[in-house]
N, C-alpha and C. Protein backbone atom coordinates (compact mmCIF):
# COMPACT_ATOMS: atom_id res chain seq x y z
N MET A 1 11.60 -18.58 -91.51
CA MET A 1 10.90 -19.79 -91.96
C MET A 1 11.93 -20.74 -92.55
N ARG A 2 11.74 -21.92 -92.24
CA ARG A 2 12.81 -22.98 -92.65
C ARG A 2 12.27 -23.53 -94.06
N ALA A 3 13.23 -23.58 -94.89
CA ALA A 3 12.93 -24.17 -96.35
C ALA A 3 12.77 -25.59 -96.24
N ALA A 4 11.81 -26.06 -97.04
CA ALA A 4 11.53 -27.59 -97.07
C ALA A 4 12.32 -28.16 -98.26
N TYR A 5 13.01 -29.25 -98.05
CA TYR A 5 13.70 -29.85 -99.11
C TYR A 5 13.87 -31.44 -98.81
N GLY A 6 14.17 -32.12 -99.79
CA GLY A 6 14.40 -33.59 -99.63
C GLY A 6 13.07 -34.44 -99.73
N PHE A 7 13.30 -35.66 -99.33
CA PHE A 7 12.23 -36.61 -99.38
C PHE A 7 11.94 -37.07 -97.88
N SER A 8 10.66 -37.38 -97.66
CA SER A 8 10.21 -38.01 -96.47
C SER A 8 9.29 -39.26 -96.85
N ILE A 9 9.44 -40.28 -96.14
CA ILE A 9 8.43 -41.34 -96.21
C ILE A 9 7.78 -41.68 -94.92
N TYR A 10 6.74 -42.40 -95.02
CA TYR A 10 5.96 -42.74 -93.70
C TYR A 10 5.85 -44.20 -93.68
N THR A 11 6.11 -44.91 -92.44
CA THR A 11 5.94 -46.30 -92.36
C THR A 11 4.50 -46.64 -92.41
N LEU A 12 4.17 -47.78 -92.96
CA LEU A 12 2.86 -48.25 -93.03
C LEU A 12 2.07 -48.46 -91.84
N ASN A 13 2.69 -49.27 -90.94
CA ASN A 13 1.90 -49.74 -89.68
C ASN A 13 1.83 -48.64 -88.66
N GLU A 14 2.98 -47.99 -88.38
CA GLU A 14 2.98 -46.99 -87.19
C GLU A 14 2.74 -45.54 -87.74
N GLY A 15 2.90 -45.26 -88.95
CA GLY A 15 2.82 -43.91 -89.56
C GLY A 15 4.04 -42.98 -89.12
N VAL A 16 5.17 -43.58 -88.87
CA VAL A 16 6.31 -42.88 -88.45
C VAL A 16 6.91 -42.10 -89.67
N LYS A 17 7.15 -40.80 -89.52
CA LYS A 17 7.75 -40.01 -90.58
C LYS A 17 9.24 -40.23 -90.57
N VAL A 18 9.77 -40.61 -91.72
CA VAL A 18 11.22 -40.88 -91.86
C VAL A 18 11.76 -39.80 -92.87
N ASP A 19 12.45 -38.83 -92.44
CA ASP A 19 13.11 -37.79 -93.30
C ASP A 19 14.46 -38.33 -93.86
N LEU A 20 14.58 -38.33 -95.13
CA LEU A 20 15.74 -38.79 -95.84
C LEU A 20 16.57 -37.79 -96.45
N GLY A 21 16.13 -36.56 -96.61
CA GLY A 21 16.94 -35.50 -97.23
C GLY A 21 16.97 -35.61 -98.69
N ARG A 22 18.19 -35.37 -99.30
CA ARG A 22 18.24 -35.22 -100.77
C ARG A 22 19.11 -36.19 -101.44
N ASP A 23 19.97 -36.89 -100.70
CA ASP A 23 20.92 -37.76 -101.36
C ASP A 23 21.39 -38.96 -100.48
N ALA A 24 22.15 -39.83 -101.06
CA ALA A 24 22.61 -41.06 -100.35
C ALA A 24 21.53 -41.93 -99.77
N PHE A 25 20.41 -42.05 -100.54
CA PHE A 25 19.24 -42.78 -100.04
C PHE A 25 19.54 -44.19 -99.62
N GLU A 26 20.33 -44.89 -100.48
CA GLU A 26 20.68 -46.33 -100.16
C GLU A 26 21.31 -46.42 -98.70
N GLU A 27 22.32 -45.64 -98.48
CA GLU A 27 22.99 -45.55 -97.22
C GLU A 27 22.00 -45.24 -96.07
N LYS A 28 21.19 -44.21 -96.35
CA LYS A 28 20.23 -43.85 -95.31
C LYS A 28 19.27 -44.87 -94.97
N LEU A 29 18.82 -45.70 -96.03
CA LEU A 29 17.78 -46.68 -95.69
C LEU A 29 18.46 -47.81 -94.97
N VAL A 30 19.76 -48.06 -95.15
CA VAL A 30 20.47 -49.11 -94.31
C VAL A 30 20.51 -48.61 -92.95
N ALA A 31 20.77 -47.33 -92.75
CA ALA A 31 20.67 -46.76 -91.33
C ALA A 31 19.37 -46.90 -90.71
N PHE A 32 18.31 -46.70 -91.43
CA PHE A 32 16.99 -46.90 -91.02
C PHE A 32 16.70 -48.30 -90.53
N GLU A 33 17.20 -49.25 -91.36
CA GLU A 33 17.07 -50.71 -90.91
C GLU A 33 17.80 -50.98 -89.70
N ARG A 34 18.95 -50.33 -89.50
CA ARG A 34 19.68 -50.52 -88.14
C ARG A 34 18.80 -49.95 -86.95
N VAL A 35 18.19 -48.79 -87.24
CA VAL A 35 17.35 -48.28 -86.11
C VAL A 35 16.17 -49.19 -85.75
N THR A 36 15.54 -49.66 -86.81
CA THR A 36 14.36 -50.66 -86.51
C THR A 36 14.91 -51.88 -85.88
N ALA A 37 16.04 -52.44 -86.32
CA ALA A 37 16.56 -53.63 -85.72
C ALA A 37 16.87 -53.48 -84.31
N SER A 38 17.46 -52.27 -83.96
CA SER A 38 17.72 -52.02 -82.57
C SER A 38 16.59 -52.00 -81.62
N ARG A 39 15.41 -51.79 -82.22
CA ARG A 39 14.15 -51.69 -81.42
C ARG A 39 13.30 -53.01 -81.68
N GLY A 40 13.98 -54.04 -82.07
CA GLY A 40 13.29 -55.35 -82.24
C GLY A 40 12.33 -55.36 -83.37
N GLY A 41 12.57 -54.51 -84.34
CA GLY A 41 11.65 -54.45 -85.55
C GLY A 41 10.40 -53.53 -85.40
N ARG A 42 10.24 -53.03 -84.15
CA ARG A 42 9.05 -52.17 -83.84
C ARG A 42 9.48 -50.72 -83.73
N LEU A 43 8.53 -49.88 -84.12
CA LEU A 43 8.72 -48.51 -83.98
C LEU A 43 7.54 -47.76 -83.13
N SER A 44 6.92 -48.59 -82.35
CA SER A 44 5.86 -48.07 -81.42
C SER A 44 6.53 -47.05 -80.52
N GLY A 45 5.82 -45.90 -80.34
CA GLY A 45 6.21 -44.86 -79.48
C GLY A 45 7.13 -43.82 -80.23
N VAL A 46 7.58 -44.14 -81.45
CA VAL A 46 8.43 -43.25 -82.20
C VAL A 46 7.55 -42.28 -83.09
N GLU A 47 7.79 -41.02 -83.06
CA GLU A 47 7.06 -40.04 -83.80
C GLU A 47 7.69 -39.81 -85.21
N ALA A 48 9.02 -39.62 -85.14
CA ALA A 48 9.75 -39.36 -86.40
C ALA A 48 11.15 -39.78 -86.30
N ILE A 49 11.79 -39.94 -87.48
CA ILE A 49 13.20 -40.27 -87.51
C ILE A 49 13.81 -39.45 -88.61
N ARG A 50 14.87 -38.69 -88.43
CA ARG A 50 15.59 -38.02 -89.34
C ARG A 50 16.90 -38.69 -89.56
N ILE A 51 17.14 -39.27 -90.82
CA ILE A 51 18.33 -39.94 -91.18
C ILE A 51 19.28 -38.86 -91.74
N THR A 52 20.40 -38.44 -91.05
CA THR A 52 21.21 -37.42 -91.52
C THR A 52 22.41 -37.91 -92.30
N GLY A 53 22.68 -39.32 -92.19
CA GLY A 53 23.79 -39.86 -92.88
C GLY A 53 23.83 -41.36 -92.64
N ALA A 54 24.79 -41.98 -93.13
CA ALA A 54 24.87 -43.39 -92.98
C ALA A 54 25.07 -43.87 -91.57
N ARG A 55 25.64 -43.02 -90.72
CA ARG A 55 25.91 -43.37 -89.38
C ARG A 55 25.19 -42.51 -88.34
N GLU A 56 24.29 -41.73 -88.79
CA GLU A 56 23.59 -40.90 -87.84
C GLU A 56 22.02 -40.82 -88.04
N ALA A 57 21.35 -41.00 -86.98
CA ALA A 57 19.89 -40.92 -87.09
C ALA A 57 19.37 -40.20 -85.80
N ILE A 58 18.39 -39.25 -86.02
CA ILE A 58 17.80 -38.60 -84.81
C ILE A 58 16.41 -39.18 -84.71
N VAL A 59 16.21 -39.73 -83.58
CA VAL A 59 14.84 -40.36 -83.27
C VAL A 59 14.00 -39.49 -82.30
N ARG A 60 12.79 -39.14 -82.74
CA ARG A 60 11.97 -38.39 -81.77
C ARG A 60 10.82 -39.28 -81.34
N PHE A 61 10.79 -39.35 -79.97
CA PHE A 61 9.81 -40.25 -79.34
C PHE A 61 8.58 -39.42 -78.91
N GLY A 62 7.39 -40.11 -78.83
CA GLY A 62 6.13 -39.46 -78.38
C GLY A 62 6.27 -39.22 -76.88
N SER A 63 5.42 -38.40 -76.37
CA SER A 63 5.32 -38.14 -74.93
C SER A 63 4.91 -39.22 -74.07
N ASN A 64 4.31 -40.37 -74.58
CA ASN A 64 3.79 -41.38 -73.77
C ASN A 64 4.62 -42.67 -73.93
N VAL A 65 5.86 -42.47 -74.21
CA VAL A 65 6.86 -43.74 -74.30
C VAL A 65 7.38 -44.13 -72.92
N LEU A 66 7.34 -45.31 -72.56
CA LEU A 66 7.88 -45.71 -71.30
C LEU A 66 9.33 -46.05 -71.43
């Protein structure tokens, strides 16, 4: 069983889960802004985002993304 830790937030419009972990929240939120900017400000088709650091984000897409 995997231990649960850290903080997660959900976007208001799309309901995308954003895992932030336990520290460096300001840097991670800047990384999240870069992810959304790279998608034109939209997160449609994205199921979840794990921000692992200021320069790394793992984006999981839904099965119906074109």
